[in-house]
Amino acid sequence: MHARTLMTASTLLLALTATAMAKDDTVRTEVRRGNSSAVVVQSGDPKSATVHVERRPGYVKIEQHSRGSSATVIQIDDAAEGKR
């Protein structure tokens, strides 16, 4: 095999390995509502993370805690905002 082909193949293998390792240490929560979506991504062990999703008409709240950090995302549509 040509040296350049071997180098490219090994670089690709390293990139794929790094990506696979990164996915193991990532907590990801995704919520979709119609045309809207919210994604929360944090580093950490998915088994030890806590995720709470609250849904009401016109309202979605995501709370995610991992490795001492936390993230909160709130989506409100126009109809729900007028009712507050």
PDB file of N, CA and C in Angstrom:
ATOM      1  N   MET A   1       0.837  -1.173   0.000  1.00  0.00           N
ATOM      2  CA  MET A   1       0.000   0.000   0.000  1.00  0.00           C
ATOM      3  C   MET A   1       0.887   1.244   0.000  1.00  0.00           C
ATOM      4  N   HIS A   2       0.437   2.269  -0.607  1.00  0.00           N
ATOM      5  CA  HIS A   2       1.172   3.519  -0.703  1.00  0.00           C
ATOM      6  C   HIS A   2       1.231   4.185   0.681  1.00  0.00           C
ATOM      7  N   ALA A   3       2.348   4.849   1.008  1.00  0.00           N
ATOM      8  CA  ALA A   3       2.531   5.477   2.326  1.00  0.00           C
ATOM      9  C   ALA A   3       1.461   6.531   2.601  1.00  0.00           C
ATOM     10  N   ARG A   4       1.095   7.310   1.580  1.00  0.00           N
ATOM     11  CA  ARG A   4       0.083   8.353   1.768  1.00  0.00           C
ATOM     12  C   ARG A   4      -1.280   7.723   2.088  1.00  0.00           C
ATOM     13  N   THR A   5      -1.613   6.612   1.446  1.00  0.00           N
ATOM     14  CA  THR A   5      -2.878   5.916   1.707  1.00  0.00           C
ATOM     15  C   THR A   5      -2.893   5.381   3.131  1.00  0.00           C
ATOM     16  N   LEU A   6      -1.790   4.819   3.590  1.00  0.00           N
ATOM     17  CA  LEU A   6      -1.716   4.312   4.965  1.00  0.00           C
ATOM     18  C   LEU A   6      -1.873   5.441   5.974  1.00  0.00           C
ATOM     19  N   MET A   7      -1.230   6.568   5.702  1.00  0.00           N
ATOM     20  CA  MET A   7      -1.321   7.696   6.622  1.00  0.00           C
ATOM     21  C   MET A   7      -2.755   8.218   6.676  1.00  0.00           C
ATOM     22  N   THR A   8      -3.409   8.325   5.536  1.00  0.00           N
ATOM     23  CA  THR A   8      -4.796   8.793   5.498  1.00  0.00           C
ATOM     24  C   THR A   8      -5.712   7.825   6.228  1.00  0.00           C
ATOM     25  N   ALA A   9      -5.506   6.539   6.033  1.00  0.00           N
ATOM     26  CA  ALA A   9      -6.343   5.537   6.706  1.00  0.00           C
ATOM     27  C   ALA A   9      -6.132   5.585   8.209  1.00  0.00           C
ATOM     28  N   SER A  10      -4.891   5.740   8.654  1.00  0.00           N
ATOM     29  CA  SER A  10      -4.645   5.782  10.100  1.00  0.00           C
ATOM     30  C   SER A  10      -5.196   7.066  10.710  1.00  0.00           C
ATOM     31  N   THR A  11      -5.125   8.187   9.978  1.00  0.00           N
ATOM     32  CA  THR A  11      -5.696   9.448  10.467  1.00  0.00           C
ATOM     33  C   THR A  11      -7.208   9.325  10.598  1.00  0.00           C
ATOM     34  N   LEU A  12      -7.848   8.696   9.621  1.00  0.00           N
ATOM     35  CA  LEU A  12      -9.288   8.488   9.671  1.00  0.00           C
ATOM     36  C   LEU A  12      -9.664   7.592  10.851  1.00  0.00           C
ATOM     37  N   LEU A  13      -8.896   6.550  11.076  1.00  0.00           N
ATOM     38  CA  LEU A  13      -9.158   5.652  12.200  1.00  0.00           C
ATOM     39  C   LEU A  13      -9.038   6.388  13.524  1.00  0.00           C
ATOM     40  N   LEU A  14      -8.020   7.239  13.666  1.00  0.00           N
ATOM     41  CA  LEU A  14      -7.863   8.026  14.895  1.00  0.00           C
ATOM     42  C   LEU A  14      -9.032   8.983  15.083  1.00  0.00           C
ATOM     43  N   ALA A  15      -9.478   9.614  14.017  1.00  0.00           N
ATOM     44  CA  ALA A  15     -10.605  10.537  14.100  1.00  0.00           C
ATOM     45  C   ALA A  15     -11.879   9.811  14.503  1.00  0.00           C
ATOM     46  N   LEU A  16     -12.120   8.641  13.920  1.00  0.00           N
ATOM     47  CA  LEU A  16     -13.306   7.863  14.273  1.00  0.00           C
ATOM     48  C   LEU A  16     -13.244   7.391  15.720  1.00  0.00           C
ATOM     49  N   THR A  17     -12.060   6.985  16.173  1.00  0.00           N
ATOM     50  CA  THR A  17     -11.900   6.555  17.563  1.00  0.00           C
ATOM     51  C   THR A  17     -12.148   7.713  18.513  1.00  0.00           C
ATOM     52  N   ALA A  18     -11.612   8.879  18.207  1.00  0.00           N
ATOM     53  CA  ALA A  18     -11.822  10.052  19.059  1.00  0.00           C
ATOM     54  C   ALA A  18     -13.295  10.426  19.108  1.00  0.00           C
ATOM     55  N   THR A  19     -13.980  10.334  17.975  1.00  0.00           N
ATOM     56  CA  THR A  19     -15.407  10.635  17.940  1.00  0.00           C
ATOM     57  C   THR A  19     -16.197   9.635  18.773  1.00  0.00           C
ATOM     58  N   ALA A  20     -15.870   8.373  18.667  1.00  0.00           N
ATOM     59  CA  ALA A  20     -16.568   7.344  19.440  1.00  0.00           C
ATOM     60  C   ALA A  20     -16.326   7.547  20.932  1.00  0.00           C
ATOM     61  N   MET A  21     -15.101   7.898  21.313  1.00  0.00           N
ATOM     62  CA  MET A  21     -14.803   8.125  22.723  1.00  0.00           C
ATOM     63  C   MET A  21     -15.558   9.345  23.227  1.00  0.00           C
ATOM     64  N   ALA A  22     -15.628  10.386  22.409  1.00  0.00           N
ATOM     65  CA  ALA A  22     -16.331  11.603  22.818  1.00  0.00           C
ATOM     66  C   ALA A  22     -17.811  11.323  23.037  1.00  0.00           C
ATOM     67  N   LYS A  23     -18.399  10.473  22.220  1.00  0.00           N
ATOM     68  CA  LYS A  23     -19.824  10.173  22.368  1.00  0.00           C
ATOM     69  C   LYS A  23     -20.092   9.415  23.662  1.00  0.00           C
ATOM     70  N   ASP A  24     -19.150   8.614  24.135  1.00  0.00           N
ATOM     71  CA  ASP A  24     -19.336   7.874  25.375  1.00  0.00           C
ATOM     72  C   ASP A  24     -19.345   8.801  26.582  1.00  0.00           C
ATOM     73  N   ASP A  25     -18.701   9.961  26.482  1.00  0.00           N
ATOM     74  CA  ASP A  25     -18.607  10.902  27.586  1.00  0.00           C
ATOM     75  C   ASP A  25     -19.503  12.115  27.384  1.00  0.00           C
ATOM     76  N   THR A  26     -20.577  11.948  26.631  1.00  0.00           N
ATOM     77  CA  THR A  26     -21.452  13.074  26.323  1.00  0.00           C
ATOM     78  C   THR A  26     -22.886  12.749  26.713  1.00  0.00           C
ATOM     79  N   VAL A  27     -23.512  13.710  27.365  1.00  0.00           N
ATOM     80  CA  VAL A  27     -24.925  13.605  27.718  1.00  0.00           C
ATOM     81  C   VAL A  27     -25.676  14.507  26.745  1.00  0.00           C
ATOM     82  N   ARG A  28     -26.623  13.943  26.021  1.00  0.00           N
ATOM     83  CA  ARG A  28     -27.359  14.705  25.011  1.00  0.00           C
ATOM     84  C   ARG A  28     -28.852  14.488  25.211  1.00  0.00           C
ATOM     85  N   THR A  29     -29.581  15.587  25.274  1.00  0.00           N
ATOM     86  CA  THR A  29     -31.032  15.539  25.370  1.00  0.00           C
ATOM     87  C   THR A  29     -31.590  16.384  24.231  1.00  0.00           C
ATOM     88  N   GLU A  30     -32.511  15.823  23.481  1.00  0.00           N
ATOM     89  CA  GLU A  30     -33.115  16.554  22.367  1.00  0.00           C
ATOM     90  C   GLU A  30     -34.632  16.461  22.475  1.00  0.00           C
ATOM     91  N   VAL A  31     -35.290  17.612  22.348  1.00  0.00           N
ATOM     92  CA  VAL A  31     -36.751  17.665  22.383  1.00  0.00           C
ATOM     93  C   VAL A  31     -37.207  18.382  21.120  1.00  0.00           C
ATOM     94  N   ARG A  32     -38.159  17.780  20.411  1.00  0.00           N
ATOM     95  CA  ARG A  32     -38.714  18.382  19.195  1.00  0.00           C
ATOM     96  C   ARG A  32     -40.202  18.630  19.402  1.00  0.00           C
ATOM     97  N   ARG A  33     -40.633  19.815  18.953  1.00  0.00           N
ATOM     98  CA  ARG A  33     -42.051  20.175  18.977  1.00  0.00           C
ATOM     99  C   ARG A  33     -42.351  20.886  17.685  1.00  0.00           C
ATOM    100  N   GLY A  34     -43.050  20.227  16.805  1.00  0.00           N
ATOM    101  CA  GLY A  34     -43.368  20.856  15.526  1.00  0.00           C
ATOM    102  C   GLY A  34     -42.098  21.240  14.783  1.00  0.00           C
ATOM    103  N   ASN A  35     -41.971  22.524  14.449  1.00  0.00           N
ATOM    104  CA  ASN A  35     -40.784  23.008  13.747  1.00  0.00           C
ATOM    105  C   ASN A  35     -39.668  23.426  14.697  1.00  0.00           C
ATOM    106  N   SER A  36     -39.892  23.339  15.987  1.00  0.00           N
ATOM    107  CA  SER A  36     -38.896  23.761  16.969  1.00  0.00           C
ATOM    108  C   SER A  36     -38.174  22.565  17.551  1.00  0.00           C
ATOM    109  N   SER A  37     -36.922  22.769  17.885  1.00  0.00           N
ATOM    110  CA  SER A  37     -36.179  21.729  18.583  1.00  0.00           C
ATOM    111  C   SER A  37     -35.206  22.390  19.543  1.00  0.00           C
ATOM    112  N   ALA A  38     -34.883  21.678  20.603  1.00  0.00           N
ATOM    113  CA  ALA A  38     -33.895  22.136  21.576  1.00  0.00           C
ATOM    114  C   ALA A  38     -32.966  20.971  21.867  1.00  0.00           C
ATOM    115  N   VAL A  39     -31.670  21.251  21.900  1.00  0.00           N
ATOM    116  CA  VAL A  39     -30.678  20.224  22.161  1.00  0.00           C
ATOM    117  C   VAL A  39     -29.757  20.720  23.258  1.00  0.00           C
ATOM    118  N   VAL A  40     -29.556  19.892  24.284  1.00  0.00           N
ATOM    119  CA  VAL A  40     -28.611  20.187  25.356  1.00  0.00           C
ATOM    120  C   VAL A  40     -27.536  19.112  25.311  1.00  0.00           C
ATOM    121  N   VAL A  41     -26.269  19.520  25.186  1.00  0.00           N
ATOM    122  CA  VAL A  41     -25.146  18.584  25.131  1.00  0.00           C
ATOM    123  C   VAL A  41     -24.143  18.991  26.198  1.00  0.00           C
ATOM    124  N   GLN A  42     -23.779  18.054  27.059  1.00  0.00           N
ATOM    125  CA  GLN A  42     -22.798  18.296  28.110  1.00  0.00           C
ATOM    126  C   GLN A  42     -21.833  17.126  28.181  1.00  0.00           C
ATOM    127  N   SER A  43     -20.619  17.391  28.650  1.00  0.00           N
ATOM    128  CA  SER A  43     -19.703  16.288  28.884  1.00  0.00           C
ATOM    129  C   SER A  43     -20.116  15.589  30.166  1.00  0.00           C
ATOM    130  N   GLY A  44     -19.871  14.303  30.233  1.00  0.00           N
ATOM    131  CA  GLY A  44     -20.214  13.544  31.426  1.00  0.00           C
ATOM    132  C   GLY A  44     -20.746  12.170  31.088  1.00  0.00           C
ATOM    133  N   ASP A  45     -20.926  11.385  32.107  1.00  0.00           N
ATOM    134  CA  ASP A  45     -21.420  10.017  31.969  1.00  0.00           C
ATOM    135  C   ASP A  45     -22.940  10.040  31.894  1.00  0.00           C
ATOM    136  N   PRO A  46     -23.528   9.561  30.800  1.00  0.00           N
ATOM    137  CA  PRO A  46     -24.984   9.565  30.682  1.00  0.00           C
ATOM    138  C   PRO A  46     -25.688   8.816  31.815  1.00  0.00           C
ATOM    139  N   LYS A  47     -25.020   7.821  32.395  1.00  0.00           N
ATOM    140  CA  LYS A  47     -25.638   7.042  33.475  1.00  0.00           C
ATOM    141  C   LYS A  47     -25.769   7.843  34.763  1.00  0.00           C
ATOM    142  N   SER A  48     -24.893   8.843  34.970  1.00  0.00           N
ATOM    143  CA  SER A  48     -24.952   9.604  36.213  1.00  0.00           C
ATOM    144  C   SER A  48     -25.614  10.975  36.034  1.00  0.00           C
ATOM    145  N   ALA A  49     -25.992  11.332  34.830  1.00  0.00           N
ATOM    146  CA  ALA A  49     -26.637  12.617  34.576  1.00  0.00           C
ATOM    147  C   ALA A  49     -28.109  12.555  34.966  1.00  0.00           C
ATOM    148  N   THR A  50     -28.650  13.699  35.334  1.00  0.00           N
ATOM    149  CA  THR A  50     -30.081  13.779  35.600  1.00  0.00           C
ATOM    150  C   THR A  50     -30.712  14.705  34.564  1.00  0.00           C
ATOM    151  N   VAL A  51     -31.832  14.271  34.030  1.00  0.00           N
ATOM    152  CA  VAL A  51     -32.543  15.039  33.002  1.00  0.00           C
ATOM    153  C   VAL A  51     -34.006  15.093  33.402  1.00  0.00           C
ATOM    154  N   HIS A  52     -34.564  16.293  33.338  1.00  0.00           N
ATOM    155  CA  HIS A  52     -35.987  16.473  33.618  1.00  0.00           C
ATOM    156  C   HIS A  52     -36.576  17.286  32.468  1.00  0.00           C
ATOM    157  N   VAL A  53     -37.620  16.762  31.841  1.00  0.00           N
ATOM    158  CA  VAL A  53     -38.307  17.465  30.755  1.00  0.00           C
ATOM    159  C   VAL A  53     -39.736  17.709  31.198  1.00  0.00           C
ATOM    160  N   GLU A  54     -40.145  18.971  31.188  1.00  0.00           N
ATOM    161  CA  GLU A  54     -41.505  19.365  31.570  1.00  0.00           C
ATOM    162  C   GLU A  54     -42.206  19.883  30.316  1.00  0.00           C
ATOM    163  N   ARG A  55     -43.347  19.293  29.997  1.00  0.00           N
ATOM    164  CA  ARG A  55     -44.112  19.694  28.809  1.00  0.00           C
ATOM    165  C   ARG A  55     -45.502  20.150  29.230  1.00  0.00           C
ATOM    166  N   ARG A  56     -45.898  21.287  28.703  1.00  0.00           N
ATOM    167  CA  ARG A  56     -47.256  21.791  28.836  1.00  0.00           C
ATOM    168  C   ARG A  56     -47.645  22.373  27.490  1.00  0.00           C
ATOM    169  N   PRO A  57     -48.905  22.620  27.244  1.00  0.00           N
ATOM    170  CA  PRO A  57     -49.283  23.218  25.959  1.00  0.00           C
ATOM    171  C   PRO A  57     -48.532  24.532  25.725  1.00  0.00           C
ATOM    172  N   GLY A  58     -47.768  24.586  24.643  1.00  0.00           N
ATOM    173  CA  GLY A  58     -47.023  25.790  24.293  1.00  0.00           C
ATOM    174  C   GLY A  58     -45.759  26.024  25.095  1.00  0.00           C
ATOM    175  N   TYR A  59     -45.327  25.037  25.886  1.00  0.00           N
ATOM    176  CA  TYR A  59     -44.199  25.247  26.804  1.00  0.00           C
ATOM    177  C   TYR A  59     -43.414  23.951  26.982  1.00  0.00           C
ATOM    178  N   VAL A  60     -42.096  24.033  26.869  1.00  0.00           N
ATOM    179  CA  VAL A  60     -41.217  22.898  27.156  1.00  0.00           C
ATOM    180  C   VAL A  60     -40.028  23.421  27.946  1.00  0.00           C
ATOM    181  N   LYS A  61     -39.687  22.714  29.018  1.00  0.00           N
ATOM    182  CA  LYS A  61     -38.518  23.074  29.828  1.00  0.00           C
ATOM    183  C   LYS A  61     -37.642  21.838  29.987  1.00  0.00           C
ATOM    184  N   ILE A  62     -36.344  21.971  29.666  1.00  0.00           N
ATOM    185  CA  ILE A  62     -35.377  20.890  29.837  1.00  0.00           C
ATOM    186  C   ILE A  62     -34.385  21.318  30.901  1.00  0.00           C
ATOM    187  N   GLU A  63     -34.198  20.483  31.908  1.00  0.00           N
ATOM    188  CA  GLU A  63     -33.155  20.700  32.913  1.00  0.00           C
ATOM    189  C   GLU A  63     -32.243  19.483  32.876  1.00  0.00           C
ATOM    190  N   GLN A  64     -30.947  19.734  32.735  1.00  0.00           N
ATOM    191  CA  GLN A  64     -29.982  18.643  32.659  1.00  0.00           C
ATOM    192  C   GLN A  64     -28.790  18.979  33.544  1.00  0.00           C
ATOM    193  N   HIS A  65     -28.382  18.014  34.372  1.00  0.00           N
ATOM    194  CA  HIS A  65     -27.257  18.199  35.284  1.00  0.00           C
ATOM    195  C   HIS A  65     -26.246  17.082  35.043  1.00  0.00           C
ATOM    196  N   SER A  66     -24.980  17.466  34.900  1.00  0.00           N
ATOM    197  CA  SER A  66     -23.929  16.498  34.645  1.00  0.00           C
ATOM    198  C   SER A  66     -22.602  17.040  35.145  1.00  0.00           C
ATOM    199  N   ARG A  67     -21.880  16.250  35.940  1.00  0.00           N
ATOM    200  CA  ARG A  67     -20.545  16.624  36.436  1.00  0.00           C
ATOM    201  C   ARG A  67     -20.508  17.998  37.084  1.00  0.00           C
ATOM    202  N   GLY A  68     -21.471  18.333  37.869  1.00  0.00           N
ATOM    203  CA  GLY A  68     -21.453  19.600  38.570  1.00  0.00           C
ATOM    204  C   GLY A  68     -21.903  20.796  37.743  1.00  0.00           C
ATOM    205  N   SER A  69     -22.186  20.614  36.481  1.00  0.00           N
ATOM    206  CA  SER A  69     -22.707  21.719  35.671  1.00  0.00           C
ATOM    207  C   SER A  69     -24.165  21.440  35.348  1.00  0.00           C
ATOM    208  N   SER A  70     -24.875  22.502  35.050  1.00  0.00           N
ATOM    209  CA  SER A  70     -26.285  22.314  34.716  1.00  0.00           C
ATOM    210  C   SER A  70     -26.658  23.215  33.554  1.00  0.00           C
ATOM    211  N   ALA A  71     -27.708  22.810  32.865  1.00  0.00           N
ATOM    212  CA  ALA A  71     -28.228  23.584  31.736  1.00  0.00           C
ATOM    213  C   ALA A  71     -29.746  23.552  31.800  1.00  0.00           C
ATOM    214  N   THR A  72     -30.353  24.688  31.502  1.00  0.00           N
ATOM    215  CA  THR A  72     -31.802  24.789  31.456  1.00  0.00           C
ATOM    216  C   THR A  72     -32.196  25.470  30.149  1.00  0.00           C
ATOM    217  N   VAL A  73     -33.124  24.868  29.428  1.00  0.00           N
ATOM    218  CA  VAL A  73     -33.635  25.442  28.186  1.00  0.00           C
ATOM    219  C   VAL A  73     -35.147  25.507  28.312  1.00  0.00           C
ATOM    220  N   ILE A  74     -35.720  26.675  27.989  1.00  0.00           N
ATOM    221  CA  ILE A  74     -37.173  26.848  28.021  1.00  0.00           C
ATOM    222  C   ILE A  74     -37.616  27.329  26.644  1.00  0.00           C
ATOM    223  N   GLN A  75     -38.612  26.651  26.087  1.00  0.00           N
ATOM    224  CA  GLN A  75     -39.222  27.065  24.820  1.00  0.00           C
ATOM    225  C   GLN A  75     -40.677  27.423  25.089  1.00  0.00           C
ATOM    226  N   ILE A  76     -41.075  28.601  24.634  1.00  0.00           N
ATOM    227  CA  ILE A  76     -42.457  29.051  24.778  1.00  0.00           C
ATOM    228  C   ILE A  76     -42.921  29.533  23.415  1.00  0.00           C
ATOM    229  N   ASP A  77     -44.084  29.050  22.967  1.00  0.00           N
ATOM    230  CA  ASP A  77     -44.591  29.567  21.702  1.00  0.00           C
ATOM    231  C   ASP A  77     -45.459  30.795  21.969  1.00  0.00           C
ATOM    232  N   ASP A  78     -45.831  31.507  20.921  1.00  0.00           N
ATOM    233  CA  ASP A  78     -46.560  32.765  21.040  1.00  0.00           C
ATOM    234  C   ASP A  78     -47.878  32.626  21.791  1.00  0.00           C
ATOM    235  N   ALA A  79     -48.591  31.521  21.553  1.00  0.00           N
ATOM    236  CA  ALA A  79     -49.899  31.321  22.204  1.00  0.00           C
ATOM    237  C   ALA A  79     -49.726  31.170  23.714  1.00  0.00           C
ATOM    238  N   ALA A  80     -48.699  30.465  24.149  1.00  0.00           N
ATOM    239  CA  ALA A  80     -48.484  30.271  25.575  1.00  0.00           C
ATOM    240  C   ALA A  80     -48.002  31.553  26.236  1.00  0.00           C
ATOM    241  N   GLU A  81     -47.220  32.361  25.534  1.00  0.00           N
ATOM    242  CA  GLU A  81     -46.696  33.579  26.104  1.00  0.00           C
ATOM    243  C   GLU A  81     -47.817  34.559  26.423  1.00  0.00           C
ATOM    244  N   GLY A  82     -48.850  34.597  25.600  1.00  0.00           N
ATOM    245  CA  GLY A  82     -49.988  35.481  25.854  1.00  0.00           C
ATOM    246  C   GLY A  82     -50.813  35.066  27.043  1.00  0.00           C
ATOM    247  N   LYS A  83     -50.715  33.793  27.480  1.00  0.00           N
ATOM    248  CA  LYS A  83     -51.501  33.298  28.605  1.00  0.00           C
ATOM    249  C   LYS A  83     -50.820  33.513  29.939  1.00  0.00           C
ATOM    250  N   ARG A  84     -49.557  33.974  29.940  1.00  0.00           N
ATOM    251  CA  ARG A  84     -48.831  34.154  31.203  1.00  0.00           C
ATOM    252  C   ARG A  84     -49.212  35.402  31.925  1.00  0.00           C
TER     253      ARG A  84
END
